[in-house]
Structures are given as structure tokens and as C-alpha cells.
Amino acid sequence: MSILSGIISIYMLLIFVRILLTWFSGACYGRAFEALRSITDPYLDWFRRFPLRLGLFDLSPLAALAVLSLINNIFKLLARQGRISVGVILGMILSSLWSAASFILGFLIIVLALRLIAYLASRDMYHSFWRIVDLIAQPVLYRINRIIFRNRLVHYLTGLITAMAALLALWITGGRLAALAVRLLSGLPF
């Protein structure tokens, strides 16, 4: 089980490198990149079949890594203890799901914080970096403010701070609830 866990860890690293390299699609990588694609893309393509998009972002690689992480944790636990229970597996699944959700929430909080800093500093909003930040931030701001303010018109700064606070509260509360549920499912002491 330890050997299988090590193999999965290496494969996860390869997928992570593959994901990072897709951000630089204009570069020419050569044979090493093609070998990496041939190793990782069949697995990633399986997850791309599902509707895992959040606006411009394809979250299928995140789901693929979460599944590998779950399997890796099961192998590690089997290597350590020699047995496993249904509650532990359910706890691991919940932990993996919360890990992915936590990553997305953290990313959105950072994007909104960048947008707040840019707004307060009166930065040039026409630079390509800020346009990308706005492409991510605007749908999030719209949805959160629509829920909280019920379509009332609010100042942009108020909406931005409120959205950040709501995401931060969700991130903290969700983390605590997920940790509590994992402990309950796994039979761990409080």
C-alpha cells in the first residue's frame, strides 16, 4: 500500500505540473511535454466529460486531483493500520470535497481582496491583469450581493466588502463543520 501511495503521489505531481503548463499555452515544450500529456491527459479527460466549469474556469483537474488524493489517503491509512472502516472512507470523501471547496473559496477571497486593493488604490483597470481579476470577481459579486441585498442597489465598495466577508464566513464555518463531520464519521474523539 505504501508503494501504491508513492506512485499515486508521483502521478499527482505530474498532473499538477501538467496543469501549470497549460497556463502557458503559447510556449513550445517539445517531447517532454508531449510525454507528460500522454501520461496525464487520459485521466484528466475522463473528468472533463462532467460539467465542472465555474465561469471561465475548468474545475475538472481539481476534481481529478481530489479523487487521487482520496485514493492516496486510503492507501496510506491501509499501509499504517491494515484495515479501514466505511466511516473512515466517508470521512475522507467529505474531507476531500471540503478541500476542493475550501480551495475555491480561498481563491475567490484572494481575487476579491485583489479587487478591493485595486479599487482603493485606484489602479489602472484596463491592464490585462485587472481585467482577468474583474472577469472572475464580477459574477461572484453579482451572485452574492443578489442573495444578501435582494436586488437593492448598493455602493460597489459595500458590495465588495460584504461579498468578501460572506465568503470568509462560509470558509471558516464550512471548515469547522467539515472537521466536525469527519470526526463523527471516523469515530475520532472531539
N, C-alpha and C. Protein backbone atom coordinates (compact mmCIF):
# COMPACT_ATOMS: atom_id res chain seq x y z
N MET A 1 0.82 -1.20 0.00
CA MET A 1 0.00 0.00 0.00
C MET A 1 0.87 1.26 0.00
N SER A 2 2.00 1.19 0.69
CA SER A 2 2.91 2.34 0.71
C SER A 2 3.47 2.63 -0.68
N ILE A 3 3.78 1.56 -1.41
CA ILE A 3 4.31 1.72 -2.78
C ILE A 3 3.24 2.33 -3.68
N LEU A 4 2.00 1.83 -3.57
CA LEU A 4 0.91 2.40 -4.37
C LEU A 4 0.67 3.86 -4.02
N SER A 5 0.76 4.18 -2.75
CA SER A 5 0.61 5.57 -2.31
C SER A 5 1.71 6.45 -2.91
N GLY A 6 2.92 5.94 -2.94
CA GLY A 6 4.02 6.70 -3.55
C GLY A 6 3.83 6.91 -5.03
N ILE A 7 3.34 5.88 -5.74
CA ILE A 7 3.08 6.00 -7.18
C ILE A 7 2.01 7.05 -7.44
N ILE A 8 0.95 7.01 -6.63
CA ILE A 8 -0.13 8.00 -6.80
C ILE A 8 0.39 9.41 -6.50
N SER A 9 1.24 9.56 -5.52
CA SER A 9 1.81 10.88 -5.21
C SER A 9 2.61 11.42 -6.39
N ILE A 10 3.39 10.56 -7.01
CA ILE A 10 4.17 10.98 -8.19
C ILE A 10 3.24 11.36 -9.33
N TYR A 11 2.19 10.57 -9.54
CA TYR A 11 1.22 10.86 -10.61
C TYR A 11 0.50 12.19 -10.34
N MET A 12 0.18 12.45 -9.08
CA MET A 12 -0.45 13.73 -8.73
C MET A 12 0.49 14.89 -9.03
N LEU A 13 1.76 14.71 -8.76
CA LEU A 13 2.74 15.75 -9.07
C LEU A 13 2.81 15.99 -10.57
N LEU A 14 2.79 14.93 -11.36
CA LEU A 14 2.81 15.06 -12.82
C LEU A 14 1.57 15.81 -13.31
N ILE A 15 0.42 15.50 -12.74
CA ILE A 15 -0.81 16.20 -13.13
C ILE A 15 -0.72 17.67 -12.75
N PHE A 16 -0.18 17.95 -11.59
CA PHE A 16 -0.02 19.34 -11.16
C PHE A 16 0.89 20.11 -12.11
N VAL A 17 2.00 19.50 -12.52
CA VAL A 17 2.90 20.13 -13.48
C VAL A 17 2.18 20.35 -14.81
N ARG A 18 1.40 19.38 -15.23
CA ARG A 18 0.64 19.49 -16.49
C ARG A 18 -0.35 20.65 -16.41
N ILE A 19 -1.02 20.79 -15.28
CA ILE A 19 -1.97 21.89 -15.10
C ILE A 19 -1.25 23.23 -15.16
N LEU A 20 -0.13 23.33 -14.48
CA LEU A 20 0.63 24.59 -14.51
C LEU A 20 1.09 24.94 -15.92
N LEU A 21 1.52 23.93 -16.68
CA LEU A 21 2.00 24.19 -18.04
C LEU A 21 0.88 24.64 -18.98
N THR A 22 -0.37 24.27 -18.68
CA THR A 22 -1.48 24.72 -19.54
C THR A 22 -1.71 26.21 -19.42
N TRP A 23 -1.25 26.82 -18.35
CA TRP A 23 -1.41 28.26 -18.18
C TRP A 23 -0.51 29.03 -19.14
N PHE A 24 0.47 28.36 -19.68
CA PHE A 24 1.41 28.98 -20.61
C PHE A 24 1.30 28.30 -21.96
N SER A 25 0.12 28.34 -22.55
CA SER A 25 -0.16 27.59 -23.76
C SER A 25 0.62 28.09 -24.98
N GLY A 26 1.12 29.30 -24.94
CA GLY A 26 1.86 29.83 -26.09
C GLY A 26 3.27 29.27 -26.22
N ALA A 27 3.77 28.69 -25.15
CA ALA A 27 5.14 28.17 -25.17
C ALA A 27 5.19 26.81 -25.86
N CYS A 28 6.33 26.51 -26.44
CA CYS A 28 6.53 25.22 -27.10
C CYS A 28 7.41 24.37 -26.18
N TYR A 29 6.92 23.22 -25.77
CA TYR A 29 7.63 22.43 -24.78
C TYR A 29 8.38 21.25 -25.36
N GLY A 30 7.95 20.72 -26.46
CA GLY A 30 8.67 19.62 -27.09
C GLY A 30 8.24 18.25 -26.62
N ARG A 31 9.17 17.30 -26.71
CA ARG A 31 8.86 15.89 -26.44
C ARG A 31 8.50 15.62 -24.98
N ALA A 32 9.17 16.31 -24.07
CA ALA A 32 8.89 16.08 -22.65
C ALA A 32 7.43 16.44 -22.34
N PHE A 33 6.97 17.54 -22.90
CA PHE A 33 5.58 17.95 -22.68
C PHE A 33 4.61 16.96 -23.32
N GLU A 34 4.94 16.48 -24.50
CA GLU A 34 4.07 15.50 -25.16
C GLU A 34 4.01 14.20 -24.36
N ALA A 35 5.13 13.79 -23.79
CA ALA A 35 5.15 12.59 -22.95
C ALA A 35 4.29 12.81 -21.70
N LEU A 36 4.41 13.99 -21.11
CA LEU A 36 3.60 14.32 -19.94
C LEU A 36 2.11 14.31 -20.29
N ARG A 37 1.77 14.88 -21.43
CA ARG A 37 0.37 14.89 -21.88
C ARG A 37 -0.15 13.47 -22.09
N SER A 38 0.67 12.62 -22.70
CA SER A 38 0.22 11.25 -22.96
C SER A 38 0.01 10.46 -21.67
N ILE A 39 0.71 10.84 -20.61
CA ILE A 39 0.57 10.15 -19.33
C ILE A 39 -0.63 10.69 -18.54
N THR A 40 -0.83 11.99 -18.56
CA THR A 40 -1.84 12.61 -17.69
C THR A 40 -3.19 12.86 -18.36
N ASP A 41 -3.21 13.16 -19.65
CA ASP A 41 -4.47 13.55 -20.30
C ASP A 41 -5.54 12.47 -20.32
N PRO A 42 -5.21 11.19 -20.47
CA PRO A 42 -6.31 10.21 -20.43
C PRO A 42 -7.10 10.26 -19.11
N TYR A 43 -6.40 10.42 -18.00
CA TYR A 43 -7.07 10.52 -16.71
C TYR A 43 -7.84 11.84 -16.60
N LEU A 44 -7.21 12.94 -17.00
CA LEU A 44 -7.87 14.24 -16.92
C LEU A 44 -9.07 14.32 -17.86
N ASP A 45 -8.97 13.72 -19.03
CA ASP A 45 -10.07 13.74 -19.99
C ASP A 45 -11.32 13.06 -19.45
N TRP A 46 -11.14 12.06 -18.61
CA TRP A 46 -12.29 11.39 -18.03
C TRP A 46 -13.11 12.38 -17.20
N PHE A 47 -12.46 13.28 -16.47
CA PHE A 47 -13.15 14.27 -15.64
C PHE A 47 -13.70 15.44 -16.45
N ARG A 48 -13.13 15.70 -17.61
CA ARG A 48 -13.60 16.80 -18.45
C ARG A 48 -14.98 16.53 -19.04
N ARG A 49 -15.44 15.29 -18.98
CA ARG A 49 -16.76 14.94 -19.50
C ARG A 49 -17.88 15.49 -18.62
N PHE A 50 -17.57 15.77 -17.38
CA PHE A 50 -18.58 16.23 -16.42
C PHE A 50 -18.66 17.76 -16.44
N PRO A 51 -19.82 18.33 -16.12
CA PRO A 51 -19.96 19.79 -16.12
C PRO A 51 -19.32 20.41 -14.88
N LEU A 52 -18.02 20.55 -14.91
CA LEU A 52 -17.26 21.08 -13.78
C LEU A 52 -16.62 22.42 -14.14
N ARG A 53 -17.42 23.34 -14.66
CA ARG A 53 -16.92 24.65 -15.03
C ARG A 53 -17.52 25.70 -14.12
N LEU A 54 -16.70 26.65 -13.73
CA LEU A 54 -17.14 27.80 -12.94
C LEU A 54 -16.77 29.03 -13.74
N GLY A 55 -17.68 29.49 -14.57
CA GLY A 55 -17.38 30.61 -15.44
C GLY A 55 -16.33 30.21 -16.46
N LEU A 56 -15.21 30.91 -16.42
CA LEU A 56 -14.12 30.63 -17.35
C LEU A 56 -13.23 29.48 -16.89
N PHE A 57 -13.43 29.02 -15.67
CA PHE A 57 -12.51 28.05 -15.09
C PHE A 57 -13.03 26.63 -15.21
N ASP A 58 -12.13 25.75 -15.63
CA ASP A 58 -12.41 24.32 -15.71
C ASP A 58 -11.92 23.69 -14.41
N LEU A 59 -12.85 23.21 -13.61
CA LEU A 59 -12.51 22.64 -12.31
C LEU A 59 -12.28 21.13 -12.37
N SER A 60 -12.34 20.55 -13.57
CA SER A 60 -12.15 19.11 -13.68
C SER A 60 -10.77 18.65 -13.21
N PRO A 61 -9.68 19.40 -13.44
CA PRO A 61 -8.40 18.95 -12.89
C PRO A 61 -8.39 18.94 -11.36
N LEU A 62 -9.11 19.87 -10.76
CA LEU A 62 -9.21 19.89 -9.30
C LEU A 62 -9.95 18.66 -8.80
N ALA A 63 -11.03 18.28 -9.50
CA ALA A 63 -11.77 17.06 -9.14
C ALA A 63 -10.89 15.83 -9.32
N ALA A 64 -10.12 15.80 -10.41
CA ALA A 64 -9.23 14.67 -10.67
C ALA A 64 -8.19 14.53 -9.55
N LEU A 65 -7.63 15.65 -9.12
CA LEU A 65 -6.65 15.61 -8.04
C LEU A 65 -7.31 15.23 -6.71
N ALA A 66 -8.54 15.67 -6.49
CA ALA A 66 -9.24 15.33 -5.25
C ALA A 66 -9.48 13.82 -5.17
N VAL A 67 -9.86 13.20 -6.29
CA VAL A 67 -10.08 11.75 -6.30
C VAL A 67 -8.78 11.01 -6.04
N LEU A 68 -7.71 11.46 -6.69
CA LEU A 68 -6.41 10.81 -6.45
C LEU A 68 -5.96 11.00 -5.00
N SER A 69 -6.22 12.17 -4.45
CA SER A 69 -5.86 12.43 -3.06
C SER A 69 -6.62 11.51 -2.12
N LEU A 70 -7.90 11.30 -2.40
CA LEU A 70 -8.71 10.40 -1.59
C LEU A 70 -8.16 8.98 -1.65
N ILE A 71 -7.88 8.51 -2.85
CA ILE A 71 -7.34 7.15 -3.02
C ILE A 71 -5.98 7.03 -2.33
N ASN A 72 -5.17 8.06 -2.47
CA ASN A 72 -3.86 8.08 -1.84
C ASN A 72 -3.99 8.00 -0.32
N ASN A 73 -4.93 8.75 0.25
CA ASN A 73 -5.14 8.72 1.70
C ASN A 73 -5.62 7.35 2.16
N ILE A 74 -6.47 6.72 1.38
CA ILE A 74 -6.93 5.36 1.73
C ILE A 74 -5.75 4.39 1.73
N PHE A 75 -4.90 4.47 0.71
CA PHE A 75 -3.72 3.59 0.67
C PHE A 75 -2.80 3.85 1.85
N LYS A 76 -2.59 5.11 2.20
CA LYS A 76 -1.73 5.44 3.34
C LYS A 76 -2.31 4.87 4.64
N LEU A 77 -3.62 5.02 4.80
CA LEU A 77 -4.27 4.52 6.00
C LEU A 77 -4.19 2.99 6.08
N LEU A 78 -4.40 2.33 4.95
CA LEU A 78 -4.27 0.87 4.91
C LEU A 78 -2.84 0.44 5.21
N ALA A 79 -1.87 1.18 4.72
CA ALA A 79 -0.46 0.84 4.98
C ALA A 79 -0.14 1.01 6.47
N ARG A 80 -0.73 2.01 7.09
CA ARG A 80 -0.46 2.28 8.50
C ARG A 80 -1.21 1.34 9.44
N GLN A 81 -2.52 1.15 9.17
CA GLN A 81 -3.35 0.41 10.12
C GLN A 81 -3.74 -0.99 9.66
N GLY A 82 -3.66 -1.25 8.38
CA GLY A 82 -4.00 -2.57 7.89
C GLY A 82 -5.48 -2.81 7.69
N ARG A 83 -6.33 -1.91 8.16
CA ARG A 83 -7.77 -2.04 7.96
C ARG A 83 -8.39 -0.65 7.87
N ILE A 84 -9.64 -0.64 7.42
CA ILE A 84 -10.32 0.64 7.21
C ILE A 84 -11.82 0.42 7.39
N SER A 85 -12.54 1.45 7.81
CA SER A 85 -13.99 1.32 8.00
C SER A 85 -14.73 2.20 7.00
N VAL A 86 -16.03 1.95 6.88
CA VAL A 86 -16.87 2.75 5.99
C VAL A 86 -16.90 4.20 6.48
N GLY A 87 -16.98 4.39 7.79
CA GLY A 87 -17.00 5.74 8.35
C GLY A 87 -15.74 6.51 8.01
N VAL A 88 -14.60 5.85 8.06
CA VAL A 88 -13.33 6.50 7.71
C VAL A 88 -13.33 6.89 6.23
N ILE A 89 -13.81 6.00 5.36
CA ILE A 89 -13.87 6.32 3.93
C ILE A 89 -14.81 7.49 3.68
N LEU A 90 -15.98 7.48 4.34
CA LEU A 90 -16.91 8.61 4.19
C LEU A 90 -16.29 9.90 4.71
N GLY A 91 -15.57 9.81 5.82
CA GLY A 91 -14.88 10.98 6.36
C GLY A 91 -13.83 11.51 5.39
N MET A 92 -13.11 10.60 4.75
CA MET A 92 -12.10 11.01 3.76
C MET A 92 -12.76 11.65 2.54
N ILE A 93 -13.89 11.10 2.10
CA ILE A 93 -14.60 11.68 0.96
C ILE A 93 -15.06 13.10 1.31
N LEU A 94 -15.65 13.25 2.48
CA LEU A 94 -16.09 14.57 2.92
C LEU A 94 -14.92 15.53 3.04
N SER A 95 -13.83 15.05 3.59
CA SER A 95 -12.63 15.88 3.72
C SER A 95 -12.10 16.31 2.35
N SER A 96 -12.11 15.41 1.39
CA SER A 96 -11.65 15.74 0.03
C SER A 96 -12.57 16.77 -0.62
N LEU A 97 -13.88 16.57 -0.46
CA LEU A 97 -14.83 17.53 -1.02
C LEU A 97 -14.66 18.91 -0.40
N TRP A 98 -14.50 18.93 0.93
CA TRP A 98 -14.31 20.22 1.58
C TRP A 98 -12.97 20.84 1.15
N SER A 99 -11.97 20.03 0.95
CA SER A 99 -10.68 20.54 0.50
C SER A 99 -10.82 21.28 -0.83
N ALA A 100 -11.55 20.69 -1.77
CA ALA A 100 -11.76 21.33 -3.07
C ALA A 100 -12.58 22.61 -2.91
N ALA A 101 -13.66 22.54 -2.12
CA ALA A 101 -14.49 23.73 -1.90
C ALA A 101 -13.70 24.82 -1.19
N SER A 102 -12.88 24.43 -0.23
CA SER A 102 -12.07 25.39 0.50
C SER A 102 -11.06 26.08 -0.42
N PHE A 103 -10.48 25.32 -1.32
CA PHE A 103 -9.55 25.91 -2.29
C PHE A 103 -10.24 26.96 -3.15
N ILE A 104 -11.44 26.63 -3.63
CA ILE A 104 -12.18 27.56 -4.48
C ILE A 104 -12.57 28.81 -3.68
N LEU A 105 -13.06 28.62 -2.46
CA LEU A 105 -13.43 29.77 -1.63
C LEU A 105 -12.21 30.64 -1.34
N GLY A 106 -11.08 30.02 -0.99
CA GLY A 106 -9.86 30.78 -0.74
C GLY A 106 -9.41 31.56 -1.96
N PHE A 107 -9.49 30.92 -3.11
CA PHE A 107 -9.13 31.59 -4.36
C PHE A 107 -10.02 32.80 -4.61
N LEU A 108 -11.32 32.64 -4.41
CA LEU A 108 -12.26 33.74 -4.63
C LEU A 108 -12.04 34.87 -3.62
N ILE A 109 -11.71 34.54 -2.38
CA ILE A 109 -11.41 35.56 -1.38
C ILE A 109 -10.18 36.35 -1.80
N ILE A 110 -9.16 35.68 -2.30
CA ILE A 110 -7.95 36.36 -2.76
C ILE A 110 -8.27 37.27 -3.95
N VAL A 111 -9.08 36.78 -4.88
CA VAL A 111 -9.45 37.60 -6.05
C VAL A 111 -10.20 38.85 -5.61
N LEU A 112 -11.16 38.68 -4.68
CA LEU A 112 -11.90 39.85 -4.21
C LEU A 112 -11.01 40.80 -3.41
N ALA A 113 -10.05 40.26 -2.66
CA ALA A 113 -9.11 41.11 -1.94
C ALA A 113 -8.25 41.91 -2.92
N LEU A 114 -7.81 41.26 -4.00
CA LEU A 114 -7.06 41.99 -5.03
C LEU A 114 -7.91 43.10 -5.64
N ARG A 115 -9.17 42.78 -5.89
CA ARG A 115 -10.08 43.77 -6.47
C ARG A 115 -10.29 44.93 -5.51
N LEU A 116 -10.39 44.64 -4.21
CA LEU A 116 -10.54 45.69 -3.21
C LEU A 116 -9.30 46.58 -3.16
N ILE A 117 -8.13 45.96 -3.17
CA ILE A 117 -6.88 46.73 -3.15
C ILE A 117 -6.79 47.62 -4.39
N ALA A 118 -7.13 47.07 -5.54
CA ALA A 118 -7.09 47.85 -6.77
C ALA A 118 -8.09 49.00 -6.73
N TYR A 119 -9.26 48.74 -6.17
CA TYR A 119 -10.29 49.79 -6.09
C TYR A 119 -9.82 50.92 -5.17
N LEU A 120 -9.28 50.55 -4.00
CA LEU A 120 -8.83 51.55 -3.05
C LEU A 120 -7.60 52.32 -3.54
N ALA A 121 -6.75 51.65 -4.32
CA ALA A 121 -5.53 52.29 -4.84
C ALA A 121 -5.79 53.00 -6.16
N SER A 122 -7.01 52.88 -6.68
CA SER A 122 -7.37 53.48 -7.98
C SER A 122 -6.40 53.07 -9.08
N ARG A 123 -6.18 51.77 -9.17
CA ARG A 123 -5.25 51.24 -10.18
C ARG A 123 -5.88 51.29 -11.56
N ASP A 124 -5.03 51.21 -12.56
CA ASP A 124 -5.45 51.20 -13.96
C ASP A 124 -6.23 49.91 -14.22
N MET A 125 -7.52 50.03 -14.34
CA MET A 125 -8.38 48.86 -14.51
C MET A 125 -8.36 48.31 -15.93
N TYR A 126 -7.66 48.95 -16.83
CA TYR A 126 -7.63 48.48 -18.21
C TYR A 126 -6.45 47.57 -18.49
N HIS A 127 -5.59 47.38 -17.53
CA HIS A 127 -4.48 46.45 -17.67
C HIS A 127 -5.05 45.03 -17.73
N SER A 128 -4.43 44.16 -18.48
CA SER A 128 -4.97 42.81 -18.70
C SER A 128 -5.12 42.02 -17.40
N PHE A 129 -4.21 42.23 -16.45
CA PHE A 129 -4.30 41.53 -15.17
C PHE A 129 -5.60 41.88 -14.46
N TRP A 130 -5.92 43.17 -14.41
CA TRP A 130 -7.12 43.61 -13.71
C TRP A 130 -8.39 43.20 -14.45
N ARG A 131 -8.30 43.10 -15.75
CA ARG A 131 -9.47 42.62 -16.49
C ARG A 131 -9.76 41.15 -16.16
N ILE A 132 -8.70 40.35 -16.00
CA ILE A 132 -8.89 38.95 -15.60
C ILE A 132 -9.47 38.87 -14.19
N VAL A 133 -8.94 39.71 -13.29
CA VAL A 133 -9.47 39.75 -11.92
C VAL A 133 -10.95 40.12 -11.96
N ASP A 134 -11.31 41.10 -12.78
CA ASP A 134 -12.72 41.50 -12.90
C ASP A 134 -13.59 40.41 -13.50
N LEU A 135 -13.06 39.67 -14.48
CA LEU A 135 -13.82 38.57 -15.07
C LEU A 135 -14.18 37.51 -14.03
N ILE A 136 -13.31 37.32 -13.07
CA ILE A 136 -13.57 36.36 -12.01
C ILE A 136 -14.45 36.98 -10.93
N ALA A 137 -14.15 38.21 -10.54
CA ALA A 137 -14.82 38.85 -9.41
C ALA A 137 -16.27 39.23 -9.69
N GLN A 138 -16.56 39.75 -10.87
CA GLN A 138 -17.90 40.28 -11.13
C GLN A 138 -19.02 39.25 -10.99
N PRO A 139 -18.91 38.05 -11.56
CA PRO A 139 -20.00 37.08 -11.36
C PRO A 139 -20.19 36.70 -9.89
N VAL A 140 -19.09 36.60 -9.15
CA VAL A 140 -19.16 36.26 -7.73
C VAL A 140 -19.84 37.38 -6.97
N LEU A 141 -19.41 38.62 -7.23
CA LEU A 141 -20.03 39.77 -6.57
C LEU A 141 -21.52 39.86 -6.87
N TYR A 142 -21.86 39.66 -8.11
CA TYR A 142 -23.27 39.75 -8.52
C TYR A 142 -24.12 38.74 -7.77
N ARG A 143 -23.68 37.50 -7.75
CA ARG A 143 -24.48 36.44 -7.12
C ARG A 143 -24.60 36.62 -5.61
N ILE A 144 -23.48 36.91 -4.97
CA ILE A 144 -23.51 37.07 -3.51
C ILE A 144 -24.34 38.28 -3.13
N ASN A 145 -24.14 39.40 -3.81
CA ASN A 145 -24.89 40.61 -3.46
C ASN A 145 -26.36 40.47 -3.79
N ARG A 146 -26.68 39.71 -4.80
CA ARG A 146 -28.09 39.47 -5.13
C ARG A 146 -28.78 38.69 -4.01
N ILE A 147 -28.05 37.74 -3.42
CA ILE A 147 -28.61 36.96 -2.32
C ILE A 147 -28.72 37.82 -1.05
N ILE A 148 -27.69 38.55 -0.73
CA ILE A 148 -27.65 39.31 0.52
C ILE A 148 -28.54 40.55 0.46
N PHE A 149 -28.44 41.32 -0.61
CA PHE A 149 -29.15 42.60 -0.68
C PHE A 149 -30.48 42.52 -1.43
N ARG A 150 -30.83 41.35 -1.93
CA ARG A 150 -32.13 41.14 -2.60
C ARG A 150 -32.39 42.18 -3.69
N ASN A 151 -31.44 42.34 -4.59
CA ASN A 151 -31.55 43.21 -5.76
C ASN A 151 -31.63 44.71 -5.42
N ARG A 152 -31.33 45.09 -4.18
CA ARG A 152 -31.26 46.52 -3.85
C ARG A 152 -29.94 47.06 -4.37
N LEU A 153 -29.93 48.29 -4.74
CA LEU A 153 -28.73 48.93 -5.25
C LEU A 153 -27.83 49.32 -4.08
N VAL A 154 -26.59 48.84 -4.11
CA VAL A 154 -25.62 49.18 -3.05
C VAL A 154 -24.37 49.73 -3.70
N HIS A 155 -23.61 50.48 -2.93
CA HIS A 155 -22.33 51.02 -3.41
C HIS A 155 -21.38 49.85 -3.70
N TYR A 156 -20.55 50.01 -4.71
CA TYR A 156 -19.64 48.94 -5.14
C TYR A 156 -18.75 48.48 -3.99
N LEU A 157 -18.19 49.43 -3.24
CA LEU A 157 -17.28 49.10 -2.14
C LEU A 157 -18.02 48.30 -1.05
N THR A 158 -19.24 48.68 -0.76
CA THR A 158 -20.04 47.94 0.23
C THR A 158 -20.29 46.52 -0.25
N GLY A 159 -20.67 46.38 -1.50
CA GLY A 159 -20.90 45.04 -2.05
C GLY A 159 -19.64 44.19 -2.05
N LEU A 160 -18.50 44.80 -2.36
CA LEU A 160 -17.23 44.08 -2.39
C LEU A 160 -16.84 43.59 -1.00
N ILE A 161 -16.93 44.46 -0.01
CA ILE A 161 -16.58 44.08 1.36
C ILE A 161 -17.56 43.04 1.90
N THR A 162 -18.84 43.21 1.60
CA THR A 162 -19.85 42.25 2.05
C THR A 162 -19.60 40.88 1.43
N ALA A 163 -19.30 40.83 0.15
CA ALA A 163 -19.03 39.56 -0.52
C ALA A 163 -17.80 38.88 0.08
N MET A 164 -16.75 39.66 0.34
CA MET A 164 -15.55 39.08 0.97
C MET A 164 -15.87 38.53 2.35
N ALA A 165 -16.63 39.27 3.13
CA ALA A 165 -16.99 38.83 4.48
C ALA A 165 -17.84 37.56 4.42
N ALA A 166 -18.78 37.51 3.48
CA ALA A 166 -19.64 36.33 3.34
C ALA A 166 -18.81 35.10 2.96
N LEU A 167 -17.89 35.26 2.01
CA LEU A 167 -17.05 34.13 1.61
C LEU A 167 -16.14 33.68 2.74
N LEU A 168 -15.60 34.64 3.48
CA LEU A 168 -14.73 34.31 4.61
C LEU A 168 -15.51 33.58 5.70
N ALA A 169 -16.72 34.04 5.99
CA ALA A 169 -17.55 33.37 6.99
C ALA A 169 -17.90 31.95 6.54
N LEU A 170 -18.23 31.80 5.27
CA LEU A 170 -18.54 30.48 4.72
C LEU A 170 -17.33 29.57 4.79
N TRP A 171 -16.15 30.11 4.50
CA TRP A 171 -14.91 29.34 4.53
C TRP A 171 -14.61 28.85 5.94
N ILE A 172 -14.72 29.74 6.92
CA ILE A 172 -14.41 29.38 8.31
C ILE A 172 -15.45 28.41 8.86
N THR A 173 -16.73 28.74 8.69
CA THR A 173 -17.81 27.90 9.20
C THR A 173 -17.80 26.53 8.51
N GLY A 174 -17.64 26.53 7.21
CA GLY A 174 -17.61 25.26 6.48
C GLY A 174 -16.46 24.38 6.92
N GLY A 175 -15.31 24.98 7.16
CA GLY A 175 -14.15 24.21 7.63
C GLY A 175 -14.40 23.56 8.97
N ARG A 176 -15.01 24.32 9.87
CA ARG A 176 -15.30 23.76 11.19
C ARG A 176 -16.35 22.66 11.13
N LEU A 177 -17.40 22.88 10.34
CA LEU A 177 -18.44 21.86 10.20
C LEU A 177 -17.90 20.60 9.52
N ALA A 178 -17.06 20.77 8.51
CA ALA A 178 -16.48 19.62 7.82
C ALA A 178 -15.58 18.84 8.78
N ALA A 179 -14.78 19.54 9.58
CA ALA A 179 -13.90 18.86 10.53
C ALA A 179 -14.71 18.09 11.57
N LEU A 180 -15.81 18.70 12.03
CA LEU A 180 -16.67 18.03 13.00
C LEU A 180 -17.31 16.78 12.38
N ALA A 181 -17.81 16.89 11.16
CA ALA A 181 -18.44 15.76 10.49
C ALA A 181 -17.42 14.64 10.25
N VAL A 182 -16.20 14.99 9.85
CA VAL A 182 -15.15 13.98 9.63
C VAL A 182 -14.85 13.25 10.94
N ARG A 183 -14.78 13.99 12.03
CA ARG A 183 -14.53 13.34 13.33
C ARG A 183 -15.67 12.39 13.71
N LEU A 184 -16.90 12.82 13.48
CA LEU A 184 -18.05 11.97 13.78
C LEU A 184 -18.04 10.70 12.94
N LEU A 185 -17.80 10.86 11.64
CA LEU A 185 -17.80 9.70 10.74
C LEU A 185 -16.65 8.75 11.02
N SER A 186 -15.51 9.31 11.38
CA SER A 186 -14.31 8.49 11.58
C SER A 186 -14.22 7.89 12.97
N GLY A 187 -15.09 8.36 13.86
CA GLY A 187 -15.06 7.84 15.23
C GLY A 187 -13.91 8.41 16.03
N LEU A 188 -13.40 9.57 15.64
CA LEU A 188 -12.30 10.19 16.36
C LEU A 188 -12.83 10.97 17.56
N PRO A 189 -12.06 11.12 18.62
CA PRO A 189 -12.52 11.90 19.79
C PRO A 189 -12.55 13.40 19.45
N PHE A 190 -13.39 14.11 20.16
CA PHE A 190 -13.52 15.56 19.94
C PHE A 190 -12.43 16.23 20.65
